[in-house]
Amino acid sequence: MSSLKRNDPCPCGSGKKYKKCCLSLDEQRSGRSQLASSSRTLREKNIALLAATIEIFGLGRPWSKVKDGMTDARIREFYRFVADLWPVDSDQEYIMPLPDSSLRALYLGENEPEMMLQNVFRFCLYADQILLVHPFANPNVVAEKFNPIYHPGEWRLQTLRIVYQMGLLAPWLEAGLVTLIPDPGDFDRSLRVKTWDLAGTRLARIGPSPEDIDQSMIKARTRRSILLAPRGYLAQVSYL
């Protein structure tokens, strides 16, 4: 990498010159690493995550350019930052805000960009702070064969949605009205397994109705994923 010149083809495979593609990404990596390691409080981690998202994906540009620039290298860099920001040995004190006189609300509904205005932002009128479980996976607890750091291309659609959601959340995060928190199960495996078991028991007893599924954002997301998939992928899935 040290012999790579500015006008050489970018090693990420985009077909662009290095200076027009990943040069700034590489130059700013050490700064992002320092930002992740120095962010201690939950507030600092939220601001750091937002800053890294804006920098890596260029959120100040038109959305069409953000989508076109969603390369594997940028996806990998984003999840590397997430992994550095939330190591599995993170101090539990910084996972949730400390108790004080603030009126907080925890949102546990569907974590989709389309639901932010209807189910999150409007409730900032009634609470000092809305706690929202962050929408991205922590690579530290994802198996290598599914991990976005090792297989960024498979996470492109999901990452695009996350980046769009972060753009929507930006002013609310900066103002402290919305705070992203990690899934506590990322740091406590036994808690995650117990949560899965409780959810399984609850669903076995009740079960979603056809109306519930029809109204869920999951159905709409699945439909969009199918429509956006390449023909070759659709043919492969149909064959399997």
C-alpha atoms as a PDB file:
ATOM      1  CA  MET A   1       0.000   0.000   0.000  1.00  0.00           C
ATOM      2  CA  SER A   2       2.951   2.309   0.651  1.00  0.00           C
ATOM      3  CA  SER A   3       3.877   2.231  -3.065  1.00  0.00           C
ATOM      4  CA  LEU A   4       0.364   3.172  -4.149  1.00  0.00           C
ATOM      5  CA  LYS A   5       0.290   6.459  -6.071  1.00  0.00           C
ATOM      6  CA  ARG A   6      -2.539   8.978  -6.181  1.00  0.00           C
ATOM      7  CA  ASN A   7      -3.264   8.308  -9.861  1.00  0.00           C
ATOM      8  CA  ASP A   8      -3.125   4.502  -9.561  1.00  0.00           C
ATOM      9  CA  PRO A   9      -6.367   2.508  -9.849  1.00  0.00           C
ATOM     10  CA  CYS A  10      -7.983   2.268  -6.440  1.00  0.00           C
ATOM     11  CA  PRO A  11      -7.385  -1.169  -4.878  1.00  0.00           C
ATOM     12  CA  CYS A  12     -11.028  -1.375  -3.801  1.00  0.00           C
ATOM     13  CA  GLY A  13     -11.978  -2.238  -7.387  1.00  0.00           C
ATOM     14  CA  SER A  14     -14.230   0.741  -8.038  1.00  0.00           C
ATOM     15  CA  GLY A  15     -12.417   1.567 -11.281  1.00  0.00           C
ATOM     16  CA  LYS A  16     -11.644   5.095 -10.070  1.00  0.00           C
ATOM     17  CA  LYS A  17      -8.259   6.613  -9.393  1.00  0.00           C
ATOM     18  CA  TYR A  18      -7.050   6.182  -5.831  1.00  0.00           C
ATOM     19  CA  LYS A  19      -7.165   9.935  -5.191  1.00  0.00           C
ATOM     20  CA  LYS A  20     -10.811  10.038  -6.300  1.00  0.00           C
ATOM     21  CA  CYS A  21     -11.844   7.054  -4.219  1.00  0.00           C
ATOM     22  CA  CYS A  22     -10.265   5.636  -1.050  1.00  0.00           C
ATOM     23  CA  LEU A  23      -7.325   8.000  -0.493  1.00  0.00           C
ATOM     24  CA  SER A  24      -9.195  10.192   1.999  1.00  0.00           C
ATOM     25  CA  LEU A  25     -10.657   7.070   3.618  1.00  0.00           C
ATOM     26  CA  ASP A  26      -7.172   5.704   4.251  1.00  0.00           C
ATOM     27  CA  GLU A  27      -5.718   9.043   5.350  1.00  0.00           C
ATOM     28  CA  GLN A  28      -8.428   9.573   7.966  1.00  0.00           C
ATOM     29  CA  ARG A  29      -8.368   6.030   9.396  1.00  0.00           C
ATOM     30  CA  SER A  30      -5.987   6.781  12.259  1.00  0.00           C
ATOM     31  CA  GLY A  31      -8.082   9.791  13.266  1.00  0.00           C
ATOM     32  CA  ARG A  32     -11.237   7.673  13.340  1.00  0.00           C
ATOM     33  CA  SER A  33      -9.498   5.003  15.384  1.00  0.00           C
ATOM     34  CA  GLN A  34      -8.417   7.616  17.915  1.00  0.00           C
ATOM     35  CA  LEU A  35     -11.936   9.065  17.982  1.00  0.00           C
ATOM     36  CA  ALA A  36     -13.431   5.645  18.728  1.00  0.00           C
ATOM     37  CA  SER A  37     -10.969   4.841  21.515  1.00  0.00           C
ATOM     38  CA  SER A  38     -11.269   8.274  23.137  1.00  0.00           C
ATOM     39  CA  SER A  39     -15.091   8.338  23.170  1.00  0.00           C
ATOM     40  CA  ARG A  40     -15.982   7.188  26.659  1.00  0.00           C
ATOM     41  CA  THR A  41     -19.463   8.380  27.558  1.00  0.00           C
ATOM     42  CA  LEU A  42     -22.632   7.373  25.756  1.00  0.00           C
ATOM     43  CA  ARG A  43     -23.024  10.945  24.505  1.00  0.00           C
ATOM     44  CA  GLU A  44     -19.483  10.974  23.120  1.00  0.00           C
ATOM     45  CA  LYS A  45     -20.040   7.641  21.395  1.00  0.00           C
ATOM     46  CA  ASN A  46     -23.220   8.935  19.729  1.00  0.00           C
ATOM     47  CA  ILE A  47     -21.470  12.046  18.411  1.00  0.00           C
ATOM     48  CA  ALA A  48     -18.469   9.966  17.292  1.00  0.00           C
ATOM     49  CA  LEU A  49     -20.681   7.515  15.411  1.00  0.00           C
ATOM     50  CA  LEU A  50     -22.511  10.324  13.652  1.00  0.00           C
ATOM     51  CA  ALA A  51     -19.232  12.051  12.720  1.00  0.00           C
ATOM     52  CA  ALA A  52     -17.760   8.812  11.338  1.00  0.00           C
ATOM     53  CA  THR A  53     -20.894   8.083   9.310  1.00  0.00           C
ATOM     54  CA  ILE A  54     -20.851  11.554   7.780  1.00  0.00           C
ATOM     55  CA  GLU A  55     -17.133  11.330   7.003  1.00  0.00           C
ATOM     56  CA  ILE A  56     -17.035   7.781   5.607  1.00  0.00           C
ATOM     57  CA  PHE A  57     -20.119   8.065   3.402  1.00  0.00           C
ATOM     58  CA  GLY A  58     -20.073  11.798   2.669  1.00  0.00           C
ATOM     59  CA  LEU A  59     -23.549  12.575   3.954  1.00  0.00           C
ATOM     60  CA  GLY A  60     -23.224  16.224   2.990  1.00  0.00           C
ATOM     61  CA  ARG A  61     -23.550  15.256  -0.684  1.00  0.00           C
ATOM     62  CA  PRO A  62     -26.755  14.605  -2.646  1.00  0.00           C
ATOM     63  CA  TRP A  63     -28.257  11.230  -1.737  1.00  0.00           C
ATOM     64  CA  SER A  64     -27.656   9.879  -5.261  1.00  0.00           C
ATOM     65  CA  LYS A  65     -23.911  10.388  -4.789  1.00  0.00           C
ATOM     66  CA  VAL A  66     -24.012   8.772  -1.353  1.00  0.00           C
ATOM     67  CA  LYS A  67     -25.598   5.678  -2.922  1.00  0.00           C
ATOM     68  CA  ASP A  68     -23.137   5.602  -5.813  1.00  0.00           C
ATOM     69  CA  GLY A  69     -20.246   5.907  -3.370  1.00  0.00           C
ATOM     70  CA  MET A  70     -21.387   2.990  -1.198  1.00  0.00           C
ATOM     71  CA  THR A  71     -18.358   0.809  -1.941  1.00  0.00           C
ATOM     72  CA  ASP A  72     -17.267  -2.321  -0.111  1.00  0.00           C
ATOM     73  CA  ALA A  73     -14.286  -0.380   1.242  1.00  0.00           C
ATOM     74  CA  ARG A  74     -16.531   2.238   2.858  1.00  0.00           C
ATOM     75  CA  ILE A  75     -18.897  -0.368   4.292  1.00  0.00           C
ATOM     76  CA  ARG A  76     -15.948  -2.263   5.755  1.00  0.00           C
ATOM     77  CA  GLU A  77     -14.494   0.946   7.203  1.00  0.00           C
ATOM     78  CA  PHE A  78     -17.808   1.846   8.823  1.00  0.00           C
ATOM     79  CA  TYR A  79     -18.142  -1.489  10.602  1.00  0.00           C
ATOM     80  CA  ARG A  80     -14.516  -1.383  11.680  1.00  0.00           C
ATOM     81  CA  PHE A  81     -15.336   1.874  13.407  1.00  0.00           C
ATOM     82  CA  VAL A  82     -18.418   0.339  15.035  1.00  0.00           C
ATOM     83  CA  ALA A  83     -16.280  -2.550  16.299  1.00  0.00           C
ATOM     84  CA  ASP A  84     -13.712  -0.125  17.723  1.00  0.00           C
ATOM     85  CA  LEU A  85     -16.424   2.029  19.296  1.00  0.00           C
ATOM     86  CA  TRP A  86     -18.196  -0.857  21.039  1.00  0.00           C
ATOM     87  CA  PRO A  87     -15.717  -3.617  22.024  1.00  0.00           C
ATOM     88  CA  VAL A  88     -17.295  -6.554  23.841  1.00  0.00           C
ATOM     89  CA  ASP A  89     -15.498  -5.615  27.061  1.00  0.00           C
ATOM     90  CA  SER A  90     -17.091  -2.147  27.118  1.00  0.00           C
ATOM     91  CA  ASP A  91     -17.768  -0.806  30.598  1.00  0.00           C
ATOM     92  CA  GLN A  92     -21.441  -1.462  31.364  1.00  0.00           C
ATOM     93  CA  GLU A  93     -21.657   2.033  32.874  1.00  0.00           C
ATOM     94  CA  TYR A  94     -21.501   3.553  29.386  1.00  0.00           C
ATOM     95  CA  ILE A  95     -24.059   1.275  27.735  1.00  0.00           C
ATOM     96  CA  MET A  96     -27.045   2.965  29.368  1.00  0.00           C
ATOM     97  CA  PRO A  97     -27.345   6.554  30.651  1.00  0.00           C
ATOM     98  CA  LEU A  98     -26.994   7.054  34.374  1.00  0.00           C
ATOM     99  CA  PRO A  99     -30.195   7.812  36.324  1.00  0.00           C
ATOM    100  CA  ASP A 100     -30.982  11.496  36.830  1.00  0.00           C
ATOM    101  CA  SER A 101     -34.014  13.786  36.845  1.00  0.00           C
ATOM    102  CA  SER A 102     -34.514  13.533  33.055  1.00  0.00           C
ATOM    103  CA  LEU A 103     -37.701  12.019  31.678  1.00  0.00           C
ATOM    104  CA  ARG A 104     -36.573   9.291  29.288  1.00  0.00           C
ATOM    105  CA  ALA A 105     -38.503   6.977  26.979  1.00  0.00           C
ATOM    106  CA  LEU A 106     -37.251   3.706  25.496  1.00  0.00           C
ATOM    107  CA  TYR A 107     -38.463   2.937  21.976  1.00  0.00           C
ATOM    108  CA  LEU A 108     -38.790  -0.797  21.276  1.00  0.00           C
ATOM    109  CA  GLY A 109     -40.840  -0.692  18.084  1.00  0.00           C
ATOM    110  CA  GLU A 110     -39.738  -1.434  14.531  1.00  0.00           C
ATOM    111  CA  ASN A 111     -36.375   0.234  13.997  1.00  0.00           C
ATOM    112  CA  GLU A 112     -36.890   1.400  10.428  1.00  0.00           C
ATOM    113  CA  PRO A 113     -36.148   4.804   8.839  1.00  0.00           C
ATOM    114  CA  GLU A 114     -39.790   5.112   7.800  1.00  0.00           C
ATOM    115  CA  MET A 115     -40.911   4.853  11.428  1.00  0.00           C
ATOM    116  CA  MET A 116     -38.720   7.602  12.884  1.00  0.00           C
ATOM    117  CA  LEU A 117     -41.040  10.544  12.272  1.00  0.00           C
ATOM    118  CA  GLN A 118     -44.211   8.764  13.294  1.00  0.00           C
ATOM    119  CA  ASN A 119     -42.965   6.783  16.281  1.00  0.00           C
ATOM    120  CA  VAL A 120     -39.857   8.571  17.591  1.00  0.00           C
ATOM    121  CA  PHE A 121     -39.466  12.236  16.700  1.00  0.00           C
ATOM    122  CA  ARG A 122     -42.953  13.342  17.694  1.00  0.00           C
ATOM    123  CA  PHE A 123     -42.554  11.866  21.176  1.00  0.00           C
ATOM    124  CA  CYS A 124     -39.641  14.223  21.826  1.00  0.00           C
ATOM    125  CA  LEU A 125     -42.403  16.688  22.709  1.00  0.00           C
ATOM    126  CA  TYR A 126     -43.202  14.588  25.775  1.00  0.00           C
ATOM    127  CA  ALA A 127     -39.784  13.311  26.913  1.00  0.00           C
ATOM    128  CA  ASP A 128     -36.384  14.857  27.526  1.00  0.00           C
ATOM    129  CA  GLN A 129     -34.675  12.013  25.735  1.00  0.00           C
ATOM    130  CA  ILE A 130     -35.693   9.067  23.542  1.00  0.00           C
ATOM    131  CA  LEU A 131     -33.487   5.969  23.832  1.00  0.00           C
ATOM    132  CA  LEU A 132     -33.260   4.010  20.608  1.00  0.00           C
ATOM    133  CA  VAL A 133     -31.399   0.722  20.170  1.00  0.00           C
ATOM    134  CA  HIS A 134     -28.965   1.421  17.353  1.00  0.00           C
ATOM    135  CA  PRO A 135     -29.839  -0.189  13.999  1.00  0.00           C
ATOM    136  CA  PHE A 136     -26.405  -1.578  13.052  1.00  0.00           C
ATOM    137  CA  ALA A 137     -24.820  -4.924  13.870  1.00  0.00           C
ATOM    138  CA  ASN A 138     -21.765  -5.050  16.116  1.00  0.00           C
ATOM    139  CA  PRO A 139     -19.109  -6.983  14.131  1.00  0.00           C
ATOM    140  CA  ASN A 140     -17.522  -8.118  17.395  1.00  0.00           C
ATOM    141  CA  VAL A 141     -20.389 -10.569  17.956  1.00  0.00           C
ATOM    142  CA  VAL A 142     -21.052 -11.649  14.345  1.00  0.00           C
ATOM    143  CA  ALA A 143     -19.561 -14.871  12.981  1.00  0.00           C
ATOM    144  CA  GLU A 144     -16.901 -14.353  10.296  1.00  0.00           C
ATOM    145  CA  LYS A 145     -18.956 -15.924   7.494  1.00  0.00           C
ATOM    146  CA  PHE A 146     -21.702 -13.335   8.093  1.00  0.00           C
ATOM    147  CA  ASN A 147     -19.503 -10.473   9.273  1.00  0.00           C
ATOM    148  CA  PRO A 148     -19.740  -7.107   7.447  1.00  0.00           C
ATOM    149  CA  ILE A 149     -16.000  -6.527   7.853  1.00  0.00           C
ATOM    150  CA  TYR A 150     -15.206  -9.713   5.913  1.00  0.00           C
ATOM    151  CA  HIS A 151     -18.203  -9.654   3.541  1.00  0.00           C
ATOM    152  CA  PRO A 152     -19.173  -5.982   3.128  1.00  0.00           C
ATOM    153  CA  GLY A 153     -20.913  -6.503  -0.206  1.00  0.00           C
ATOM    154  CA  GLU A 154     -23.588  -8.633   1.440  1.00  0.00           C
ATOM    155  CA  TRP A 155     -24.393  -5.757   3.789  1.00  0.00           C
ATOM    156  CA  ARG A 156     -24.825  -3.045   1.167  1.00  0.00           C
ATOM    157  CA  LEU A 157     -28.602  -2.698   1.291  1.00  0.00           C
ATOM    158  CA  GLN A 158     -28.714  -2.865   5.090  1.00  0.00           C
ATOM    159  CA  THR A 159     -25.911  -0.309   5.395  1.00  0.00           C
ATOM    160  CA  LEU A 160     -27.620   2.011   2.932  1.00  0.00           C
ATOM    161  CA  ARG A 161     -30.725   1.984   5.116  1.00  0.00           C
ATOM    162  CA  ILE A 162     -28.655   2.630   8.246  1.00  0.00           C
ATOM    163  CA  VAL A 163     -26.837   5.559   6.651  1.00  0.00           C
ATOM    164  CA  TYR A 164     -30.147   7.032   5.514  1.00  0.00           C
ATOM    165  CA  GLN A 165     -31.540   6.594   9.039  1.00  0.00           C
ATOM    166  CA  MET A 166     -28.463   8.259  10.545  1.00  0.00           C
ATOM    167  CA  GLY A 167     -29.018  11.198   8.218  1.00  0.00           C
ATOM    168  CA  LEU A 168     -32.589  11.521   9.530  1.00  0.00           C
ATOM    169  CA  LEU A 169     -31.440  11.206  13.136  1.00  0.00           C
ATOM    170  CA  ALA A 170     -28.506  13.632  12.825  1.00  0.00           C
ATOM    171  CA  PRO A 171     -30.127  16.822  14.213  1.00  0.00           C
ATOM    172  CA  TRP A 172     -31.880  14.870  16.958  1.00  0.00           C
ATOM    173  CA  LEU A 173     -28.664  13.127  17.982  1.00  0.00           C
ATOM    174  CA  GLU A 174     -26.719  16.384  17.988  1.00  0.00           C
ATOM    175  CA  ALA A 175     -29.356  18.010  20.196  1.00  0.00           C
ATOM    176  CA  GLY A 176     -29.374  15.030  22.580  1.00  0.00           C
ATOM    177  CA  LEU A 177     -33.106  14.476  22.077  1.00  0.00           C
ATOM    178  CA  VAL A 178     -32.450  10.984  20.698  1.00  0.00           C
ATOM    179  CA  THR A 179     -29.679   8.754  22.042  1.00  0.00           C
ATOM    180  CA  LEU A 180     -28.604   5.505  20.408  1.00  0.00           C
ATOM    181  CA  ILE A 181     -27.820   2.677  22.796  1.00  0.00           C
ATOM    182  CA  PRO A 182     -26.284  -0.704  21.961  1.00  0.00           C
ATOM    183  CA  ASP A 183     -28.101  -3.980  22.491  1.00  0.00           C
ATOM    184  CA  PRO A 184     -27.025  -5.123  25.993  1.00  0.00           C
ATOM    185  CA  GLY A 185     -26.970  -8.646  24.573  1.00  0.00           C
ATOM    186  CA  ASP A 186     -23.866  -7.673  22.581  1.00  0.00           C
ATOM    187  CA  PHE A 187     -21.938  -7.613  25.867  1.00  0.00           C
ATOM    188  CA  ASP A 188     -23.720 -10.347  27.807  1.00  0.00           C
ATOM    189  CA  ARG A 189     -24.297 -13.580  25.888  1.00  0.00           C
ATOM    190  CA  SER A 190     -26.433 -15.131  28.627  1.00  0.00           C
ATOM    191  CA  LEU A 191     -28.772 -12.121  28.529  1.00  0.00           C
ATOM    192  CA  ARG A 192     -29.123 -12.443  24.754  1.00  0.00           C
ATOM    193  CA  VAL A 193     -29.961 -16.151  24.946  1.00  0.00           C
ATOM    194  CA  LYS A 194     -32.489 -15.540  27.718  1.00  0.00           C
ATOM    195  CA  THR A 195     -34.110 -12.795  25.621  1.00  0.00           C
ATOM    196  CA  TRP A 196     -34.362 -15.165  22.641  1.00  0.00           C
ATOM    197  CA  ASP A 197     -35.939 -17.858  24.815  1.00  0.00           C
ATOM    198  CA  LEU A 198     -38.491 -15.437  26.270  1.00  0.00           C
ATOM    199  CA  ALA A 199     -39.388 -14.153  22.803  1.00  0.00           C
ATOM    200  CA  GLY A 200     -39.780 -17.705  21.503  1.00  0.00           C
ATOM    201  CA  THR A 201     -42.071 -18.617  24.378  1.00  0.00           C
ATOM    202  CA  ARG A 202     -44.167 -15.493  23.859  1.00  0.00           C
ATOM    203  CA  LEU A 203     -44.533 -16.035  20.102  1.00  0.00           C
ATOM    204  CA  ALA A 204     -45.358 -19.715  20.541  1.00  0.00           C
ATOM    205  CA  ARG A 205     -48.246 -18.738  22.795  1.00  0.00           C
ATOM    206  CA  ILE A 206     -49.563 -15.852  20.705  1.00  0.00           C
ATOM    207  CA  GLY A 207     -48.097 -15.771  17.223  1.00  0.00           C
ATOM    208  CA  PRO A 208     -48.451 -12.878  14.741  1.00  0.00           C
ATOM    209  CA  SER A 209     -51.702 -12.759  12.811  1.00  0.00           C
ATOM    210  CA  PRO A 210     -51.829 -12.287   9.018  1.00  0.00           C
ATOM    211  CA  GLU A 211     -52.911  -8.698   9.707  1.00  0.00           C
ATOM    212  CA  ASP A 212     -49.858  -8.123  11.919  1.00  0.00           C
ATOM    213  CA  ILE A 213     -47.537  -9.406   9.201  1.00  0.00           C
ATOM    214  CA  ASP A 214     -49.279  -7.342   6.535  1.00  0.00           C
ATOM    215  CA  GLN A 215     -48.845  -4.150   8.572  1.00  0.00           C
ATOM    216  CA  SER A 216     -45.237  -4.889   9.529  1.00  0.00           C
ATOM    217  CA  MET A 217     -42.380  -2.992   7.916  1.00  0.00           C
ATOM    218  CA  ILE A 218     -40.600  -6.335   7.501  1.00  0.00           C
ATOM    219  CA  LYS A 219     -42.938  -7.291   4.672  1.00  0.00           C
ATOM    220  CA  ALA A 220     -42.278  -4.022   2.837  1.00  0.00           C
ATOM    221  CA  ARG A 221     -38.528  -4.335   3.411  1.00  0.00           C
ATOM    222  CA  THR A 222     -38.489  -7.904   2.084  1.00  0.00           C
ATOM    223  CA  ARG A 223     -40.394  -6.837  -1.013  1.00  0.00           C
ATOM    224  CA  ARG A 224     -37.970  -3.997  -1.703  1.00  0.00           C
ATOM    225  CA  SER A 225     -34.983  -6.285  -1.173  1.00  0.00           C
ATOM    226  CA  ILE A 226     -36.326  -8.721  -3.746  1.00  0.00           C
ATOM    227  CA  LEU A 227     -37.036  -5.965  -6.261  1.00  0.00           C
ATOM    228  CA  LEU A 228     -33.565  -4.459  -5.820  1.00  0.00           C
ATOM    229  CA  ALA A 229     -31.679  -7.759  -6.071  1.00  0.00           C
ATOM    230  CA  PRO A 230     -29.714  -8.554  -9.281  1.00  0.00           C
ATOM    231  CA  ARG A 231     -31.344 -10.978 -11.721  1.00  0.00           C
ATOM    232  CA  GLY A 232     -28.585 -13.520 -11.142  1.00  0.00           C
ATOM    233  CA  TYR A 233     -29.226 -13.562  -7.414  1.00  0.00           C
ATOM    234  CA  LEU A 234     -32.977 -13.957  -7.893  1.00  0.00           C
ATOM    235  CA  ALA A 235     -32.404 -16.867 -10.278  1.00  0.00           C
ATOM    236  CA  GLN A 236     -30.087 -18.524  -7.760  1.00  0.00           C
ATOM    237  CA  VAL A 237     -32.569 -18.129  -4.897  1.00  0.00           C
ATOM    238  CA  SER A 238     -35.422 -19.430  -7.054  1.00  0.00           C
ATOM    239  CA  TYR A 239     -33.323 -22.449  -7.980  1.00  0.00           C
ATOM    240  CA  LEU A 240     -32.490 -23.211  -4.337  1.00  0.00           C
END
